[in-house]
Amino acid sequence: MAVLLWLAIPLVAFVIGIVWAYLISRPPRPAAMLESMESFTKFRQAFERPAKVRRRRWARLVKRRARKSTSGR
């Protein structure tokens, strides 16, 4: 009887793994219409706003070094 128990443990684990893989691989539910429309509106508004221009410190350092190398010669 103990042998059957030891053989049943991997079989049960295998079945649980198959069920888990099936549940994970299902396609997601379609989004509700209102949620979908809100997310699309936010997406469009993001493109309508002007982009923030950031000057990075390293870009300024590169420009300074370029000026120093050309002015030193």
PDB file of N, CA and C in Angstrom:
ATOM      1  N   MET A   1       0.802  -1.183   0.000  1.00  0.00           N
ATOM      2  CA  MET A   1       0.000   0.000   0.000  1.00  0.00           C
ATOM      3  C   MET A   1       0.862   1.271   0.000  1.00  0.00           C
ATOM      4  N   ALA A   2       1.992   1.201   0.696  1.00  0.00           N
ATOM      5  CA  ALA A   2       2.879   2.359   0.749  1.00  0.00           C
ATOM      6  C   ALA A   2       3.459   2.666  -0.627  1.00  0.00           C
ATOM      7  N   VAL A   3       3.673   1.624  -1.416  1.00  0.00           N
ATOM      8  CA  VAL A   3       4.206   1.832  -2.766  1.00  0.00           C
ATOM      9  C   VAL A   3       3.205   2.593  -3.621  1.00  0.00           C
ATOM     10  N   LEU A   4       1.933   2.259  -3.498  1.00  0.00           N
ATOM     11  CA  LEU A   4       0.905   2.964  -4.259  1.00  0.00           C
ATOM     12  C   LEU A   4       0.816   4.436  -3.872  1.00  0.00           C
ATOM     13  N   LEU A   5       1.015   4.709  -2.587  1.00  0.00           N
ATOM     14  CA  LEU A   5       1.020   6.102  -2.130  1.00  0.00           C
ATOM     15  C   LEU A   5       2.181   6.864  -2.755  1.00  0.00           C
ATOM     16  N   TRP A   6       3.356   6.265  -2.771  1.00  0.00           N
ATOM     17  CA  TRP A   6       4.517   6.922  -3.356  1.00  0.00           C
ATOM     18  C   TRP A   6       4.354   7.116  -4.871  1.00  0.00           C
ATOM     19  N   LEU A   7       3.652   6.228  -5.526  1.00  0.00           N
ATOM     20  CA  LEU A   7       3.399   6.394  -6.963  1.00  0.00           C
ATOM     21  C   LEU A   7       2.286   7.405  -7.236  1.00  0.00           C
ATOM     22  N   ALA A   8       1.375   7.569  -6.283  1.00  0.00           N
ATOM     23  CA  ALA A   8       0.269   8.501  -6.459  1.00  0.00           C
ATOM     24  C   ALA A   8       0.711   9.955  -6.300  1.00  0.00           C
ATOM     25  N   ILE A   9       1.724  10.205  -5.494  1.00  0.00           N
ATOM     26  CA  ILE A   9       2.178  11.587  -5.250  1.00  0.00           C
ATOM     27  C   ILE A   9       2.640  12.257  -6.551  1.00  0.00           C
ATOM     28  N   PRO A  10       3.513  11.647  -7.352  1.00  0.00           N
ATOM     29  CA  PRO A  10       3.890  12.301  -8.609  1.00  0.00           C
ATOM     30  C   PRO A  10       2.719  12.422  -9.588  1.00  0.00           C
ATOM     31  N   LEU A  11       1.825  11.461  -9.578  1.00  0.00           N
ATOM     32  CA  LEU A  11       0.671  11.513 -10.461  1.00  0.00           C
ATOM     33  C   LEU A  11      -0.234  12.692 -10.103  1.00  0.00           C
ATOM     34  N   VAL A  12      -0.478  12.898  -8.829  1.00  0.00           N
ATOM     35  CA  VAL A  12      -1.299  14.026  -8.374  1.00  0.00           C
ATOM     36  C   VAL A  12      -0.599  15.346  -8.696  1.00  0.00           C
ATOM     37  N   ALA A  13       0.707  15.403  -8.482  1.00  0.00           N
ATOM     38  CA  ALA A  13       1.460  16.623  -8.808  1.00  0.00           C
ATOM     39  C   ALA A  13       1.392  16.904 -10.300  1.00  0.00           C
ATOM     40  N   PHE A  14       1.457  15.878 -11.129  1.00  0.00           N
ATOM     41  CA  PHE A  14       1.372  16.032 -12.576  1.00  0.00           C
ATOM     42  C   PHE A  14       0.003  16.589 -12.978  1.00  0.00           C
ATOM     43  N   VAL A  15      -1.048  16.046 -12.398  1.00  0.00           N
ATOM     44  CA  VAL A  15      -2.406  16.519 -12.716  1.00  0.00           C
ATOM     45  C   VAL A  15      -2.588  17.965 -12.274  1.00  0.00           C
ATOM     46  N   ILE A  16      -2.095  18.312 -11.107  1.00  0.00           N
ATOM     47  CA  ILE A  16      -2.175  19.701 -10.631  1.00  0.00           C
ATOM     48  C   ILE A  16      -1.397  20.622 -11.568  1.00  0.00           C
ATOM     49  N   GLY A  17      -0.249  20.189 -12.042  1.00  0.00           N
ATOM     50  CA  GLY A  17       0.539  20.985 -12.977  1.00  0.00           C
ATOM     51  C   GLY A  17      -0.174  21.189 -14.300  1.00  0.00           C
ATOM     52  N   ILE A  18      -0.836  20.170 -14.796  1.00  0.00           N
ATOM     53  CA  ILE A  18      -1.584  20.288 -16.048  1.00  0.00           C
ATOM     54  C   ILE A  18      -2.728  21.284 -15.887  1.00  0.00           C
ATOM     55  N   VAL A  19      -3.457  21.190 -14.785  1.00  0.00           N
ATOM     56  CA  VAL A  19      -4.575  22.118 -14.538  1.00  0.00           C
ATOM     57  C   VAL A  19      -4.052  23.538 -14.401  1.00  0.00           C
ATOM     58  N   TRP A  20      -2.943  23.722 -13.681  1.00  0.00           N
ATOM     59  CA  TRP A  20      -2.367  25.059 -13.509  1.00  0.00           C
ATOM     60  C   TRP A  20      -1.921  25.636 -14.852  1.00  0.00           C
ATOM     61  N   ALA A  21      -1.266  24.835 -15.676  1.00  0.00           N
ATOM     62  CA  ALA A  21      -0.823  25.303 -16.993  1.00  0.00           C
ATOM     63  C   ALA A  21      -2.014  25.678 -17.874  1.00  0.00           C
ATOM     64  N   TYR A  22      -3.084  24.917 -17.789  1.00  0.00           N
ATOM     65  CA  TYR A  22      -4.283  25.232 -18.564  1.00  0.00           C
ATOM     66  C   TYR A  22      -4.880  26.567 -18.121  1.00  0.00           C
ATOM     67  N   LEU A  23      -4.961  26.780 -16.814  1.00  0.00           N
ATOM     68  CA  LEU A  23      -5.551  28.019 -16.309  1.00  0.00           C
ATOM     69  C   LEU A  23      -4.686  29.236 -16.638  1.00  0.00           C
ATOM     70  N   ILE A  24      -3.378  29.073 -16.590  1.00  0.00           N
ATOM     71  CA  ILE A  24      -2.474  30.187 -16.871  1.00  0.00           C
ATOM     72  C   ILE A  24      -2.479  30.544 -18.357  1.00  0.00           C
ATOM     73  N   SER A  25      -2.619  29.562 -19.221  1.00  0.00           N
ATOM     74  CA  SER A  25      -2.493  29.829 -20.663  1.00  0.00           C
ATOM     75  C   SER A  25      -3.781  30.307 -21.309  1.00  0.00           C
ATOM     76  N   ARG A  26      -4.870  30.387 -20.548  1.00  0.00           N
ATOM     77  CA  ARG A  26      -6.113  30.882 -21.126  1.00  0.00           C
ATOM     78  C   ARG A  26      -5.963  32.344 -21.509  1.00  0.00           C
ATOM     79  N   PRO A  27      -6.612  32.787 -22.571  1.00  0.00           N
ATOM     80  CA  PRO A  27      -6.539  34.208 -22.931  1.00  0.00           C
ATOM     81  C   PRO A  27      -7.254  35.053 -21.879  1.00  0.00           C
ATOM     82  N   PRO A  28      -6.783  36.272 -21.668  1.00  0.00           N
ATOM     83  CA  PRO A  28      -7.410  37.121 -20.659  1.00  0.00           C
ATOM     84  C   PRO A  28      -8.813  37.524 -21.090  1.00  0.00           C
ATOM     85  N   ARG A  29      -9.601  37.850 -20.114  1.00  0.00           N
ATOM     86  CA  ARG A  29     -10.956  38.293 -20.399  1.00  0.00           C
ATOM     87  C   ARG A  29     -10.904  39.635 -21.119  1.00  0.00           C
ATOM     88  N   PRO A  30     -11.835  39.882 -21.998  1.00  0.00           N
ATOM     89  CA  PRO A  30     -11.850  41.199 -22.647  1.00  0.00           C
ATOM     90  C   PRO A  30     -12.175  42.288 -21.618  1.00  0.00           C
ATOM     91  N   ALA A  31     -11.578  43.436 -21.822  1.00  0.00           N
ATOM     92  CA  ALA A  31     -11.785  44.543 -20.894  1.00  0.00           C
ATOM     93  C   ALA A  31     -13.206  45.070 -21.024  1.00  0.00           C
ATOM     94  N   ALA A  32     -13.700  45.616 -19.947  1.00  0.00           N
ATOM     95  CA  ALA A  32     -15.018  46.232 -19.989  1.00  0.00           C
ATOM     96  C   ALA A  32     -14.965  47.443 -20.904  1.00  0.00           C
ATOM     97  N   MET A  33     -16.082  47.775 -21.509  1.00  0.00           N
ATOM     98  CA  MET A  33     -16.100  48.843 -22.499  1.00  0.00           C
ATOM     99  C   MET A  33     -15.666  50.180 -21.890  1.00  0.00           C
ATOM    100  N   LEU A  34     -16.157  50.504 -20.704  1.00  0.00           N
ATOM    101  CA  LEU A  34     -15.810  51.795 -20.102  1.00  0.00           C
ATOM    102  C   LEU A  34     -14.320  51.866 -19.765  1.00  0.00           C
ATOM    103  N   GLU A  35     -13.764  50.788 -19.241  1.00  0.00           N
ATOM    104  CA  GLU A  35     -12.329  50.775 -18.925  1.00  0.00           C
ATOM    105  C   GLU A  35     -11.506  50.923 -20.189  1.00  0.00           C
ATOM    106  N   SER A  36     -11.931  50.266 -21.239  1.00  0.00           N
ATOM    107  CA  SER A  36     -11.203  50.330 -22.495  1.00  0.00           C
ATOM    108  C   SER A  36     -11.249  51.741 -23.077  1.00  0.00           C
ATOM    109  N   MET A  37     -12.396  52.366 -23.037  1.00  0.00           N
ATOM    110  CA  MET A  37     -12.532  53.728 -23.579  1.00  0.00           C
ATOM    111  C   MET A  37     -11.731  54.725 -22.748  1.00  0.00           C
ATOM    112  N   GLU A  38     -11.715  54.555 -21.426  1.00  0.00           N
ATOM    113  CA  GLU A  38     -10.934  55.453 -20.569  1.00  0.00           C
ATOM    114  C   GLU A  38      -9.445  55.320 -20.852  1.00  0.00           C
ATOM    115  N   SER A  39      -8.972  54.109 -21.009  1.00  0.00           N
ATOM    116  CA  SER A  39      -7.545  53.922 -21.272  1.00  0.00           C
ATOM    117  C   SER A  39      -7.173  54.477 -22.643  1.00  0.00           C
ATOM    118  N   PHE A  40      -8.054  54.338 -23.621  1.00  0.00           N
ATOM    119  CA  PHE A  40      -7.769  54.896 -24.941  1.00  0.00           C
ATOM    120  C   PHE A  40      -7.770  56.415 -24.899  1.00  0.00           C
ATOM    121  N   THR A  41      -8.662  57.010 -24.117  1.00  0.00           N
ATOM    122  CA  THR A  41      -8.697  58.471 -23.972  1.00  0.00           C
ATOM    123  C   THR A  41      -7.409  58.965 -23.326  1.00  0.00           C
ATOM    124  N   LYS A  42      -6.935  58.275 -22.292  1.00  0.00           N
ATOM    125  CA  LYS A  42      -5.670  58.657 -21.655  1.00  0.00           C
ATOM    126  C   LYS A  42      -4.512  58.538 -22.632  1.00  0.00           C
ATOM    127  N   PHE A  43      -4.548  57.504 -23.462  1.00  0.00           N
ATOM    128  CA  PHE A  43      -3.505  57.296 -24.463  1.00  0.00           C
ATOM    129  C   PHE A  43      -3.468  58.456 -25.453  1.00  0.00           C
ATOM    130  N   ARG A  44      -4.635  58.878 -25.940  1.00  0.00           N
ATOM    131  CA  ARG A  44      -4.694  59.991 -26.896  1.00  0.00           C
ATOM    132  C   ARG A  44      -4.255  61.292 -26.251  1.00  0.00           C
ATOM    133  N   GLN A  45      -4.663  61.534 -25.003  1.00  0.00           N
ATOM    134  CA  GLN A  45      -4.284  62.760 -24.308  1.00  0.00           C
ATOM    135  C   GLN A  45      -2.777  62.828 -24.092  1.00  0.00           C
ATOM    136  N   ALA A  46      -2.156  61.701 -23.901  1.00  0.00           N
ATOM    137  CA  ALA A  46      -0.701  61.692 -23.712  1.00  0.00           C
ATOM    138  C   ALA A  46       0.005  62.177 -24.968  1.00  0.00           C
ATOM    139  N   PHE A  47      -0.535  61.878 -26.149  1.00  0.00           N
ATOM    140  CA  PHE A  47       0.082  62.340 -27.382  1.00  0.00           C
ATOM    141  C   PHE A  47      -0.253  63.790 -27.684  1.00  0.00           C
ATOM    142  N   GLU A  48      -1.339  64.305 -27.135  1.00  0.00           N
ATOM    143  CA  GLU A  48      -1.708  65.693 -27.383  1.00  0.00           C
ATOM    144  C   GLU A  48      -0.881  66.653 -26.556  1.00  0.00           C
ATOM    145  N   ARG A  49      -0.419  66.214 -25.393  1.00  0.00           N
ATOM    146  CA  ARG A  49       0.399  67.082 -24.542  1.00  0.00           C
ATOM    147  C   ARG A  49       1.799  67.233 -25.121  1.00  0.00           C
ATOM    148  N   PRO A  50       2.396  68.417 -24.975  1.00  0.00           N
ATOM    149  CA  PRO A  50       3.775  68.562 -25.460  1.00  0.00           C
ATOM    150  C   PRO A  50       4.735  67.768 -24.577  1.00  0.00           C
ATOM    151  N   ALA A  51       5.745  67.240 -25.179  1.00  0.00           N
ATOM    152  CA  ALA A  51       6.727  66.442 -24.442  1.00  0.00           C
ATOM    153  C   ALA A  51       7.602  67.358 -23.602  1.00  0.00           C
ATOM    154  N   LYS A  52       7.964  66.875 -22.438  1.00  0.00           N
ATOM    155  CA  LYS A  52       8.863  67.643 -21.576  1.00  0.00           C
ATOM    156  C   LYS A  52      10.282  67.470 -22.097  1.00  0.00           C
ATOM    157  N   VAL A  53      10.965  68.570 -22.262  1.00  0.00           N
ATOM    158  CA  VAL A  53      12.339  68.519 -22.736  1.00  0.00           C
ATOM    159  C   VAL A  53      13.253  68.582 -21.525  1.00  0.00           C
ATOM    160  N   ARG A  54      14.044  67.580 -21.379  1.00  0.00           N
ATOM    161  CA  ARG A  54      14.979  67.541 -20.255  1.00  0.00           C
ATOM    162  C   ARG A  54      16.399  67.619 -20.793  1.00  0.00           C
ATOM    163  N   ARG A  55      17.140  68.507 -20.220  1.00  0.00           N
ATOM    164  CA  ARG A  55      18.548  68.563 -20.583  1.00  0.00           C
ATOM    165  C   ARG A  55      19.296  67.741 -19.556  1.00  0.00           C
ATOM    166  N   ARG A  56      20.001  66.816 -20.026  1.00  0.00           N
ATOM    167  CA  ARG A  56      20.721  65.935 -19.117  1.00  0.00           C
ATOM    168  C   ARG A  56      22.109  66.518 -18.824  1.00  0.00           C
ATOM    169  N   ARG A  57      22.555  66.230 -17.636  1.00  0.00           N
ATOM    170  CA  ARG A  57      23.832  66.770 -17.198  1.00  0.00           C
ATOM    171  C   ARG A  57      24.968  66.277 -18.079  1.00  0.00           C
ATOM    172  N   TRP A  58      24.908  64.999 -18.463  1.00  0.00           N
ATOM    173  CA  TRP A  58      26.005  64.450 -19.262  1.00  0.00           C
ATOM    174  C   TRP A  58      26.055  65.090 -20.637  1.00  0.00           C
ATOM    175  N   ALA A  59      24.903  65.510 -21.163  1.00  0.00           N
ATOM    176  CA  ALA A  59      24.894  66.169 -22.466  1.00  0.00           C
ATOM    177  C   ALA A  59      25.590  67.516 -22.376  1.00  0.00           C
ATOM    178  N   ARG A  60      25.366  68.209 -21.272  1.00  0.00           N
ATOM    179  CA  ARG A  60      26.048  69.494 -21.083  1.00  0.00           C
ATOM    180  C   ARG A  60      27.560  69.294 -20.935  1.00  0.00           C
ATOM    181  N   LEU A  61      27.955  68.241 -20.239  1.00  0.00           N
ATOM    182  CA  LEU A  61      29.379  67.986 -20.078  1.00  0.00           C
ATOM    183  C   LEU A  61      30.044  67.671 -21.411  1.00  0.00           C
ATOM    184  N   VAL A  62      29.361  66.929 -22.254  1.00  0.00           N
ATOM    185  CA  VAL A  62      29.913  66.602 -23.568  1.00  0.00           C
ATOM    186  C   VAL A  62      30.089  67.871 -24.388  1.00  0.00           C
ATOM    187  N   LYS A  63      29.120  68.771 -24.330  1.00  0.00           N
ATOM    188  CA  LYS A  63      29.229  70.028 -25.075  1.00  0.00           C
ATOM    189  C   LYS A  63      30.382  70.872 -24.546  1.00  0.00           C
ATOM    190  N   ARG A  64      30.546  70.915 -23.227  1.00  0.00           N
ATOM    191  CA  ARG A  64      31.659  71.687 -22.657  1.00  0.00           C
ATOM    192  C   ARG A  64      33.003  71.127 -23.103  1.00  0.00           C
ATOM    193  N   ARG A  65      33.117  69.806 -23.056  1.00  0.00           N
ATOM    194  CA  ARG A  65      34.382  69.198 -23.466  1.00  0.00           C
ATOM    195  C   ARG A  65      34.647  69.434 -24.945  1.00  0.00           C
ATOM    196  N   ALA A  66      33.606  69.422 -25.743  1.00  0.00           N
ATOM    197  CA  ALA A  66      33.787  69.667 -27.169  1.00  0.00           C
ATOM    198  C   ALA A  66      34.262  71.111 -27.389  1.00  0.00           C
ATOM    199  N   ARG A  67      33.687  72.036 -26.648  1.00  0.00           N
ATOM    200  CA  ARG A  67      34.115  73.445 -26.776  1.00  0.00           C
ATOM    201  C   ARG A  67      35.565  73.634 -26.324  1.00  0.00           C
ATOM    202  N   LYS A  68      35.939  72.963 -25.223  1.00  0.00           N
ATOM    203  CA  LYS A  68      37.309  73.087 -24.727  1.00  0.00           C
ATOM    204  C   LYS A  68      38.306  72.507 -25.706  1.00  0.00           C
ATOM    205  N   SER A  69      37.958  71.390 -26.311  1.00  0.00           N
ATOM    206  CA  SER A  69      38.920  70.765 -27.223  1.00  0.00           C
ATOM    207  C   SER A  69      39.077  71.587 -28.507  1.00  0.00           C
ATOM    208  N   THR A  70      38.029  72.247 -28.970  1.00  0.00           N
ATOM    209  CA  THR A  70      38.159  73.059 -30.177  1.00  0.00           C
ATOM    210  C   THR A  70      38.770  74.407 -29.877  1.00  0.00           C
ATOM    211  N   SER A  71      38.516  74.978 -28.704  1.00  0.00           N
ATOM    212  CA  SER A  71      39.073  76.295 -28.394  1.00  0.00           C
ATOM    213  C   SER A  71      40.533  76.203 -27.960  1.00  0.00           C
ATOM    214  N   GLY A  72      40.978  75.064 -27.472  1.00  0.00           N
ATOM    215  CA  GLY A  72      42.353  74.900 -27.017  1.00  0.00           C
ATOM    216  C   GLY A  72      43.337  74.735 -28.147  1.00  0.00           C
ATOM    217  N   ARG A  73      42.905  74.424 -29.315  1.00  0.00           N
ATOM    218  CA  ARG A  73      43.833  74.179 -30.425  1.00  0.00           C
ATOM    219  C   ARG A  73      44.072  75.388 -31.237  1.00  0.00           C
TER     220      ARG A  73
END
